[in-house]
PDB file of all heavy atoms in Angstrom:
ATOM      1  N   LEU A   1       2.418 -63.212   5.217  1.00  0.00           N
ATOM      2  CA  LEU A   1       2.657 -62.047   6.064  1.00  0.00           C
ATOM      3  C   LEU A   1       3.466 -62.425   7.305  1.00  0.00           C
ATOM      4  O   LEU A   1       4.347 -61.672   7.724  1.00  0.00           O
ATOM      5  CB  LEU A   1       1.338 -61.394   6.467  1.00  0.00           C
ATOM      6  CG  LEU A   1       1.443 -60.075   7.210  1.00  0.00           C
ATOM      7  CD1 LEU A   1       2.162 -59.027   6.357  1.00  0.00           C
ATOM      8  CD2 LEU A   1       0.070 -59.565   7.605  1.00  0.00           C
ATOM      9  N   ARG A   2       3.188 -63.609   7.862  1.00  0.00           N
ATOM     10  CA  ARG A   2       3.986 -64.069   9.002  1.00  0.00           C
ATOM     11  C   ARG A   2       5.439 -64.268   8.596  1.00  0.00           C
ATOM     12  O   ARG A   2       6.354 -63.952   9.352  1.00  0.00           O
ATOM     13  CB  ARG A   2       3.402 -65.360   9.579  1.00  0.00           C
ATOM     14  CG  ARG A   2       2.135 -65.158  10.374  1.00  0.00           C
ATOM     15  CD  ARG A   2       1.745 -66.415  11.128  1.00  0.00           C
ATOM     16  NE  ARG A   2       1.554 -67.565  10.262  1.00  0.00           N
ATOM     17  CZ  ARG A   2       0.403 -67.919   9.708  1.00  0.00           C
ATOM     18  NH1 ARG A   2      -0.685 -67.209   9.949  1.00  0.00           N
ATOM     19  NH2 ARG A   2       0.310 -68.977   8.941  1.00  0.00           N
ATOM     20  N   TYR A   3       5.642 -64.783   7.394  1.00  0.00           N
ATOM     21  CA  TYR A   3       6.993 -64.958   6.878  1.00  0.00           C
ATOM     22  C   TYR A   3       7.699 -63.604   6.766  1.00  0.00           C
ATOM     23  O   TYR A   3       8.849 -63.456   7.183  1.00  0.00           O
ATOM     24  CB  TYR A   3       6.959 -65.647   5.512  1.00  0.00           C
ATOM     25  CG  TYR A   3       8.239 -65.539   4.738  1.00  0.00           C
ATOM     26  CD1 TYR A   3       9.345 -66.318   5.067  1.00  0.00           C
ATOM     27  CD2 TYR A   3       8.359 -64.633   3.683  1.00  0.00           C
ATOM     28  CE1 TYR A   3      10.532 -66.208   4.368  1.00  0.00           C
ATOM     29  CE2 TYR A   3       9.543 -64.512   2.977  1.00  0.00           C
ATOM     30  CZ  TYR A   3      10.620 -65.300   3.319  1.00  0.00           C
ATOM     31  OH  TYR A   3      11.789 -65.193   2.614  1.00  0.00           O
ATOM     32  N   LEU A   4       7.000 -62.616   6.213  1.00  0.00           N
ATOM     33  CA  LEU A   4       7.587 -61.288   6.082  1.00  0.00           C
ATOM     34  C   LEU A   4       7.910 -60.683   7.449  1.00  0.00           C
ATOM     35  O   LEU A   4       8.965 -60.075   7.635  1.00  0.00           O
ATOM     36  CB  LEU A   4       6.657 -60.360   5.302  1.00  0.00           C
ATOM     37  CG  LEU A   4       6.495 -60.641   3.812  1.00  0.00           C
ATOM     38  CD1 LEU A   4       5.486 -59.672   3.201  1.00  0.00           C
ATOM     39  CD2 LEU A   4       7.817 -60.548   3.092  1.00  0.00           C
ATOM     40  N   ASP A   5       7.005 -60.852   8.400  1.00  0.00           N
ATOM     41  CA  ASP A   5       7.252 -60.333   9.746  1.00  0.00           C
ATOM     42  C   ASP A   5       8.470 -60.998  10.382  1.00  0.00           C
ATOM     43  O   ASP A   5       9.285 -60.333  11.034  1.00  0.00           O
ATOM     44  CB  ASP A   5       6.024 -60.535  10.636  1.00  0.00           C
ATOM     45  CG  ASP A   5       4.882 -59.601  10.284  1.00  0.00           C
ATOM     46  OD1 ASP A   5       5.148 -58.573   9.620  1.00  0.00           O
ATOM     47  OD2 ASP A   5       3.738 -59.910  10.659  1.00  0.00           O
ATOM     48  N   HIS A   6       8.582 -62.310  10.191  1.00  0.00           N
ATOM     49  CA  HIS A   6       9.734 -63.034  10.746  1.00  0.00           C
ATOM     50  C   HIS A   6      11.034 -62.547  10.102  1.00  0.00           C
ATOM     51  O   HIS A   6      12.029 -62.322  10.795  1.00  0.00           O
ATOM     52  CB  HIS A   6       9.568 -64.535  10.535  1.00  0.00           C
ATOM     53  CG  HIS A   6      10.769 -65.326  10.950  1.00  0.00           C
ATOM     54  ND1 HIS A   6      11.115 -65.492  12.260  1.00  0.00           N
ATOM     55  CD2 HIS A   6      11.709 -65.965  10.210  1.00  0.00           C
ATOM     56  CE1 HIS A   6      12.223 -66.213  12.324  1.00  0.00           C
ATOM     57  NE2 HIS A   6      12.607 -66.503  11.091  1.00  0.00           N
ATOM     58  N   ARG A   7      11.035 -62.369   8.797  1.00  0.00           N
ATOM     59  CA  ARG A   7      12.226 -61.876   8.091  1.00  0.00           C
ATOM     60  C   ARG A   7      12.585 -60.474   8.578  1.00  0.00           C
ATOM     61  O   ARG A   7      13.749 -60.173   8.801  1.00  0.00           O
ATOM     62  CB  ARG A   7      11.992 -61.847   6.572  1.00  0.00           C
ATOM     63  CG  ARG A   7      11.900 -63.193   5.925  1.00  0.00           C
ATOM     64  CD  ARG A   7      13.236 -63.877   5.793  1.00  0.00           C
ATOM     65  NE  ARG A   7      14.114 -63.082   4.945  1.00  0.00           N
ATOM     66  CZ  ARG A   7      15.424 -62.952   5.148  1.00  0.00           C
ATOM     67  NH1 ARG A   7      15.998 -63.570   6.126  1.00  0.00           N
ATOM     68  NH2 ARG A   7      16.155 -62.209   4.349  1.00  0.00           N
ATOM     69  N   GLN A   8      11.583 -59.625   8.744  1.00  0.00           N
ATOM     70  CA  GLN A   8      11.853 -58.268   9.219  1.00  0.00           C
ATOM     71  C   GLN A   8      12.467 -58.284  10.618  1.00  0.00           C
ATOM     72  O   GLN A   8      13.436 -57.577  10.883  1.00  0.00           O
ATOM     73  CB  GLN A   8      10.577 -57.438   9.220  1.00  0.00           C
ATOM     74  CG  GLN A   8      10.110 -57.023   7.850  1.00  0.00           C
ATOM     75  CD  GLN A   8       8.792 -56.261   7.886  1.00  0.00           C
ATOM     76  OE1 GLN A   8       8.210 -56.047   8.947  1.00  0.00           O
ATOM     77  NE2 GLN A   8       8.324 -55.849   6.719  1.00  0.00           N
ATOM     78  N   SER A   9      11.917 -59.098  11.489  1.00  0.00           N
ATOM     79  CA  SER A   9      12.449 -59.135  12.851  1.00  0.00           C
ATOM     80  C   SER A   9      13.864 -59.713  12.883  1.00  0.00           C
ATOM     81  O   SER A   9      14.723 -59.225  13.631  1.00  0.00           O
ATOM     82  CB  SER A   9      11.524 -59.914  13.778  1.00  0.00           C
ATOM     83  OG  SER A   9      11.468 -61.266  13.414  1.00  0.00           O
ATOM     84  N   SER A  10      14.139 -60.723  12.056  1.00  0.00           N
ATOM     85  CA  SER A  10      15.486 -61.283  12.048  1.00  0.00           C
ATOM     86  C   SER A  10      16.491 -60.294  11.463  1.00  0.00           C
ATOM     87  O   SER A  10      17.623 -60.202  11.936  1.00  0.00           O
ATOM     88  CB  SER A  10      15.528 -62.610  11.288  1.00  0.00           C
ATOM     89  OG  SER A  10      15.246 -62.425   9.923  1.00  0.00           O
ATOM     90  N   ILE A  11      16.084 -59.537  10.456  1.00  0.00           N
ATOM     91  CA  ILE A  11      16.980 -58.527   9.891  1.00  0.00           C
ATOM     92  C   ILE A  11      17.227 -57.415  10.908  1.00  0.00           C
ATOM     93  O   ILE A  11      18.357 -56.933  11.054  1.00  0.00           O
ATOM     94  CB  ILE A  11      16.420 -57.976   8.562  1.00  0.00           C
ATOM     95  CG1 ILE A  11      16.551 -59.031   7.464  1.00  0.00           C
ATOM     96  CG2 ILE A  11      17.136 -56.701   8.153  1.00  0.00           C
ATOM     97  CD1 ILE A  11      15.936 -58.641   6.140  1.00  0.00           C
ATOM     98  N   LYS A  12      16.199 -57.019  11.642  1.00  0.00           N
ATOM     99  CA  LYS A  12      16.378 -55.984  12.665  1.00  0.00           C
ATOM    100  C   LYS A  12      17.332 -56.450  13.761  1.00  0.00           C
ATOM    101  O   LYS A  12      18.173 -55.680  14.236  1.00  0.00           O
ATOM    102  CB  LYS A  12      15.034 -55.594  13.269  1.00  0.00           C
ATOM    103  CG  LYS A  12      14.182 -54.767  12.337  1.00  0.00           C
ATOM    104  CD  LYS A  12      12.835 -54.455  12.933  1.00  0.00           C
ATOM    105  CE  LYS A  12      11.956 -53.701  11.955  1.00  0.00           C
ATOM    106  NZ  LYS A  12      10.612 -53.453  12.472  1.00  0.00           N
ATOM    107  N   GLU A  13      17.226 -57.727  14.154  1.00  0.00           N
ATOM    108  CA  GLU A  13      18.144 -58.266  15.158  1.00  0.00           C
ATOM    109  C   GLU A  13      19.573 -58.269  14.628  1.00  0.00           C
ATOM    110  O   GLU A  13      20.512 -57.915  15.346  1.00  0.00           O
ATOM    111  CB  GLU A  13      17.729 -59.680  15.552  1.00  0.00           C
ATOM    112  CG  GLU A  13      16.469 -59.751  16.363  1.00  0.00           C
ATOM    113  CD  GLU A  13      15.993 -61.179  16.585  1.00  0.00           C
ATOM    114  OE1 GLU A  13      16.767 -62.129  16.287  1.00  0.00           O
ATOM    115  OE2 GLU A  13      14.858 -61.355  17.039  1.00  0.00           O
ATOM    116  N   ARG A  14      19.739 -58.679  13.386  1.00  0.00           N
ATOM    117  CA  ARG A  14      21.069 -58.710  12.775  1.00  0.00           C
ATOM    118  C   ARG A  14      21.632 -57.284  12.649  1.00  0.00           C
ATOM    119  O   ARG A  14      22.822 -57.060  12.875  1.00  0.00           O
ATOM    120  CB  ARG A  14      21.007 -59.391  11.406  1.00  0.00           C
ATOM    121  CG  ARG A  14      22.316 -59.477  10.695  1.00  0.00           C
ATOM    122  CD  ARG A  14      23.282 -60.410  11.398  1.00  0.00           C
ATOM    123  NE  ARG A  14      24.527 -60.440  10.667  1.00  0.00           N
ATOM    124  CZ  ARG A  14      25.711 -60.444  11.233  1.00  0.00           C
ATOM    125  NH1 ARG A  14      25.812 -60.498  12.532  1.00  0.00           N
ATOM    126  NH2 ARG A  14      26.800 -60.453  10.499  1.00  0.00           N
ATOM    127  N   LEU A  15      20.779 -56.331  12.315  1.00  0.00           N
ATOM    128  CA  LEU A  15      21.225 -54.940  12.222  1.00  0.00           C
ATOM    129  C   LEU A  15      21.719 -54.418  13.567  1.00  0.00           C
ATOM    130  O   LEU A  15      22.743 -53.728  13.633  1.00  0.00           O
ATOM    131  CB  LEU A  15      20.096 -54.049  11.698  1.00  0.00           C
ATOM    132  CG  LEU A  15      19.873 -54.038  10.195  1.00  0.00           C
ATOM    133  CD1 LEU A  15      18.597 -53.283   9.856  1.00  0.00           C
ATOM    134  CD2 LEU A  15      21.059 -53.434   9.486  1.00  0.00           C
ATOM    135  N   SER A  16      21.006 -54.749  14.629  1.00  0.00           N
ATOM    136  CA  SER A  16      21.447 -54.277  15.948  1.00  0.00           C
ATOM    137  C   SER A  16      22.766 -54.943  16.350  1.00  0.00           C
ATOM    138  O   SER A  16      23.637 -54.296  16.937  1.00  0.00           O
ATOM    139  CB  SER A  16      20.369 -54.500  16.999  1.00  0.00           C
ATOM    140  OG  SER A  16      20.134 -55.870  17.204  1.00  0.00           O
ATOM    141  N   ALA A  17      22.930 -56.230  16.006  1.00  0.00           N
ATOM    142  CA  ALA A  17      24.193 -56.904  16.301  1.00  0.00           C
ATOM    143  C   ALA A  17      25.341 -56.286  15.492  1.00  0.00           C
ATOM    144  O   ALA A  17      26.444 -56.078  16.016  1.00  0.00           O
ATOM    145  CB  ALA A  17      24.076 -58.395  15.991  1.00  0.00           C
ATOM    146  N   LEU A  18      25.075 -55.972  14.242  1.00  0.00           N
ATOM    147  CA  LEU A  18      26.100 -55.342  13.412  1.00  0.00           C
ATOM    148  C   LEU A  18      26.436 -53.939  13.905  1.00  0.00           C
ATOM    149  O   LEU A  18      27.589 -53.516  13.842  1.00  0.00           O
ATOM    150  CB  LEU A  18      25.647 -55.284  11.953  1.00  0.00           C
ATOM    151  CG  LEU A  18      25.749 -56.586  11.167  1.00  0.00           C
ATOM    152  CD1 LEU A  18      25.098 -56.428   9.804  1.00  0.00           C
ATOM    153  CD2 LEU A  18      27.193 -57.013  11.013  1.00  0.00           C
ATOM    154  N   GLN A  19      25.442 -53.235  14.402  1.00  0.00           N
ATOM    155  CA  GLN A  19      25.703 -51.897  14.938  1.00  0.00           C
ATOM    156  C   GLN A  19      26.603 -51.984  16.163  1.00  0.00           C
ATOM    157  O   GLN A  19      27.505 -51.154  16.329  1.00  0.00           O
ATOM    158  CB  GLN A  19      24.390 -51.187  15.278  1.00  0.00           C
ATOM    159  CG  GLN A  19      24.558 -49.734  15.602  1.00  0.00           C
ATOM    160  CD  GLN A  19      25.168 -48.944  14.460  1.00  0.00           C
ATOM    161  OE1 GLN A  19      24.732 -49.066  13.319  1.00  0.00           O
ATOM    162  NE2 GLN A  19      26.175 -48.151  14.750  1.00  0.00           N
ATOM    163  N   ARG A  20      26.372 -52.996  17.003  1.00  0.00           N
ATOM    164  CA  ARG A  20      27.255 -53.188  18.159  1.00  0.00           C
ATOM    165  C   ARG A  20      28.676 -53.508  17.690  1.00  0.00           C
ATOM    166  O   ARG A  20      29.653 -52.993  18.248  1.00  0.00           O
ATOM    167  CB  ARG A  20      26.728 -54.296  19.059  1.00  0.00           C
ATOM    168  CG  ARG A  20      25.532 -53.884  19.893  1.00  0.00           C
ATOM    169  CD  ARG A  20      25.201 -54.913  20.951  1.00  0.00           C
ATOM    170  NE  ARG A  20      24.885 -56.222  20.400  1.00  0.00           N
ATOM    171  CZ  ARG A  20      23.678 -56.616  20.006  1.00  0.00           C
ATOM    172  NH1 ARG A  20      22.656 -55.791  20.101  1.00  0.00           N
ATOM    173  NH2 ARG A  20      23.484 -57.836  19.533  1.00  0.00           N
ATOM    174  N   GLU A  21      28.801 -54.360  16.660  1.00  0.00           N
ATOM    175  CA  GLU A  21      30.124 -54.681  16.120  1.00  0.00           C
ATOM    176  C   GLU A  21      30.800 -53.434  15.560  1.00  0.00           C
ATOM    177  O   GLU A  21      32.005 -53.240  15.730  1.00  0.00           O
ATOM    178  CB  GLU A  21      30.009 -55.729  15.008  1.00  0.00           C
ATOM    179  CG  GLU A  21      29.816 -57.135  15.485  1.00  0.00           C
ATOM    180  CD  GLU A  21      29.804 -58.127  14.328  1.00  0.00           C
ATOM    181  OE1 GLU A  21      30.651 -58.008  13.419  1.00  0.00           O
ATOM    182  OE2 GLU A  21      28.947 -59.011  14.334  1.00  0.00           O
ATOM    183  N   ALA A  22      30.028 -52.606  14.868  1.00  0.00           N
ATOM    184  CA  ALA A  22      30.580 -51.373  14.303  1.00  0.00           C
ATOM    185  C   ALA A  22      31.060 -50.447  15.415  1.00  0.00           C
ATOM    186  O   ALA A  22      32.126 -49.824  15.294  1.00  0.00           O
ATOM    187  CB  ALA A  22      29.548 -50.675  13.431  1.00  0.00           C
ATOM    188  N   ASP A  23      30.303 -50.360  16.490  1.00  0.00           N
ATOM    189  CA  ASP A  23      30.717 -49.526  17.624  1.00  0.00           C
ATOM    190  C   ASP A  23      32.022 -50.034  18.231  1.00  0.00           C
ATOM    191  O   ASP A  23      32.921 -49.259  18.552  1.00  0.00           O
ATOM    192  CB  ASP A  23      29.627 -49.471  18.689  1.00  0.00           C
ATOM    193  CG  ASP A  23      28.393 -48.714  18.236  1.00  0.00           C
ATOM    194  OD1 ASP A  23      28.500 -47.930  17.261  1.00  0.00           O
ATOM    195  OD2 ASP A  23      27.319 -48.914  18.846  1.00  0.00           O
ATOM    196  N   GLU A  24      32.121 -51.370  18.378  1.00  0.00           N
ATOM    197  CA  GLU A  24      33.347 -51.962  18.916  1.00  0.00           C
ATOM    198  C   GLU A  24      34.527 -51.703  17.984  1.00  0.00           C
ATOM    199  O   GLU A  24      35.634 -51.399  18.442  1.00  0.00           O
ATOM    200  CB  GLU A  24      33.163 -53.465  19.131  1.00  0.00           C
ATOM    201  CG  GLU A  24      32.205 -53.812  20.242  1.00  0.00           C
ATOM    202  CD  GLU A  24      31.883 -55.298  20.297  1.00  0.00           C
ATOM    203  OE1 GLU A  24      32.486 -56.082  19.523  1.00  0.00           O
ATOM    204  OE2 GLU A  24      31.029 -55.683  21.104  1.00  0.00           O
ATOM    205  N   ALA A  25      34.306 -51.837  16.680  1.00  0.00           N
ATOM    206  CA  ALA A  25      35.377 -51.601  15.713  1.00  0.00           C
ATOM    207  C   ALA A  25      35.818 -50.139  15.741  1.00  0.00           C
ATOM    208  O   ALA A  25      37.017 -49.846  15.647  1.00  0.00           O
ATOM    209  CB  ALA A  25      34.916 -52.000  14.308  1.00  0.00           C
ATOM    210  N   GLN A  26      34.867 -49.216  15.875  1.00  0.00           N
ATOM    211  CA  GLN A  26      35.227 -47.794  15.963  1.00  0.00           C
ATOM    212  C   GLN A  26      36.042 -47.509  17.221  1.00  0.00           C
ATOM    213  O   GLN A  26      37.010 -46.749  17.181  1.00  0.00           O
ATOM    214  CB  GLN A  26      33.976 -46.930  15.944  1.00  0.00           C
ATOM    215  CG  GLN A  26      33.346 -46.804  14.586  1.00  0.00           C
ATOM    216  CD  GLN A  26      32.060 -45.992  14.615  1.00  0.00           C
ATOM    217  OE1 GLN A  26      31.411 -45.878  15.647  1.00  0.00           O
ATOM    218  NE2 GLN A  26      31.684 -45.456  13.464  1.00  0.00           N
ATOM    219  N   ASN A  27      35.649 -48.105  18.331  1.00  0.00           N
ATOM    220  CA  ASN A  27      36.393 -47.906  19.574  1.00  0.00           C
ATOM    221  C   ASN A  27      37.811 -48.451  19.454  1.00  0.00           C
ATOM    222  O   ASN A  27      38.773 -47.815  19.905  1.00  0.00           O
ATOM    223  CB  ASN A  27      35.671 -48.550  20.754  1.00  0.00           C
ATOM    224  CG  ASN A  27      34.423 -47.792  21.147  1.00  0.00           C
ATOM    225  OD1 ASN A  27      34.311 -46.603  20.896  1.00  0.00           O
ATOM    226  ND2 ASN A  27      33.482 -48.487  21.756  1.00  0.00           N
ATOM    227  N   ALA A  28      37.951 -49.630  18.860  1.00  0.00           N
ATOM    228  CA  ALA A  28      39.276 -50.215  18.678  1.00  0.00           C
ATOM    229  C   ALA A  28      40.123 -49.351  17.753  1.00  0.00           C
ATOM    230  O   ALA A  28      41.330 -49.156  17.980  1.00  0.00           O
ATOM    231  CB  ALA A  28      39.152 -51.627  18.117  1.00  0.00           C
ATOM    232  N   LEU A  29      39.506 -48.808  16.717  1.00  0.00           N
ATOM    233  CA  LEU A  29      40.217 -47.936  15.788  1.00  0.00           C
ATOM    234  C   LEU A  29      40.674 -46.659  16.485  1.00  0.00           C
ATOM    235  O   LEU A  29      41.802 -46.197  16.286  1.00  0.00           O
ATOM    236  CB  LEU A  29      39.330 -47.615  14.586  1.00  0.00           C
ATOM    237  CG  LEU A  29      39.938 -46.825  13.453  1.00  0.00           C
ATOM    238  CD1 LEU A  29      41.152 -47.539  12.878  1.00  0.00           C
ATOM    239  CD2 LEU A  29      38.908 -46.587  12.360  1.00  0.00           C
ATOM    240  N   ARG A  30      39.829 -46.102  17.322  1.00  0.00           N
ATOM    241  CA  ARG A  30      40.218 -44.905  18.078  1.00  0.00           C
ATOM    242  C   ARG A  30      41.426 -45.192  18.976  1.00  0.00           C
ATOM    243  O   ARG A  30      42.345 -44.378  19.082  1.00  0.00           O
ATOM    244  CB  ARG A  30      39.053 -44.417  18.936  1.00  0.00           C
ATOM    245  CG  ARG A  30      38.044 -43.622  18.178  1.00  0.00           C
ATOM    246  CD  ARG A  30      37.017 -42.978  19.122  1.00  0.00           C
ATOM    247  NE  ARG A  30      35.810 -42.726  18.395  1.00  0.00           N
ATOM    248  CZ  ARG A  30      34.675 -43.413  18.519  1.00  0.00           C
ATOM    249  NH1 ARG A  30      34.573 -44.377  19.389  1.00  0.00           N
ATOM    250  NH2 ARG A  30      33.625 -43.106  17.789  1.00  0.00           N
ATOM    251  N   LYS A  31      41.402 -46.353  19.631  1.00  0.00           N
ATOM    252  CA  LYS A  31      42.522 -46.717  20.503  1.00  0.00           C
ATOM    253  C   LYS A  31      43.807 -46.878  19.699  1.00  0.00           C
ATOM    254  O   LYS A  31      44.877 -46.468  20.153  1.00  0.00           O
ATOM    255  CB  LYS A  31      42.200 -48.014  21.252  1.00  0.00           C
ATOM    256  CG  LYS A  31      41.154 -47.853  22.319  1.00  0.00           C
ATOM    257  CD  LYS A  31      40.853 -49.171  22.986  1.00  0.00           C
ATOM    258  CE  LYS A  31      39.722 -49.029  23.997  1.00  0.00           C
ATOM    259  NZ  LYS A  31      39.370 -50.325  24.591  1.00  0.00           N
ATOM    260  N   THR A  32      43.709 -47.466  18.536  1.00  0.00           N
ATOM    261  CA  THR A  32      44.890 -47.656  17.699  1.00  0.00           C
ATOM    262  C   THR A  32      45.443 -46.307  17.246  1.00  0.00           C
ATOM    263  O   THR A  32      46.649 -46.073  17.291  1.00  0.00           O
ATOM    264  CB  THR A  32      44.550 -48.529  16.477  1.00  0.00           C
ATOM    265  OG1 THR A  32      44.054 -49.793  16.921  1.00  0.00           O
ATOM    266  CG2 THR A  32      45.761 -48.754  15.595  1.00  0.00           C
TER     267      THR A  32
END
């Protein structure tokens, strides 16, 4: 269960980082 919790938290962190990247990519696309 600790392993599953750790995997879930790491995936959530990666998702938030990817969401920030997606926001940056959308902003750059709008500027272009």
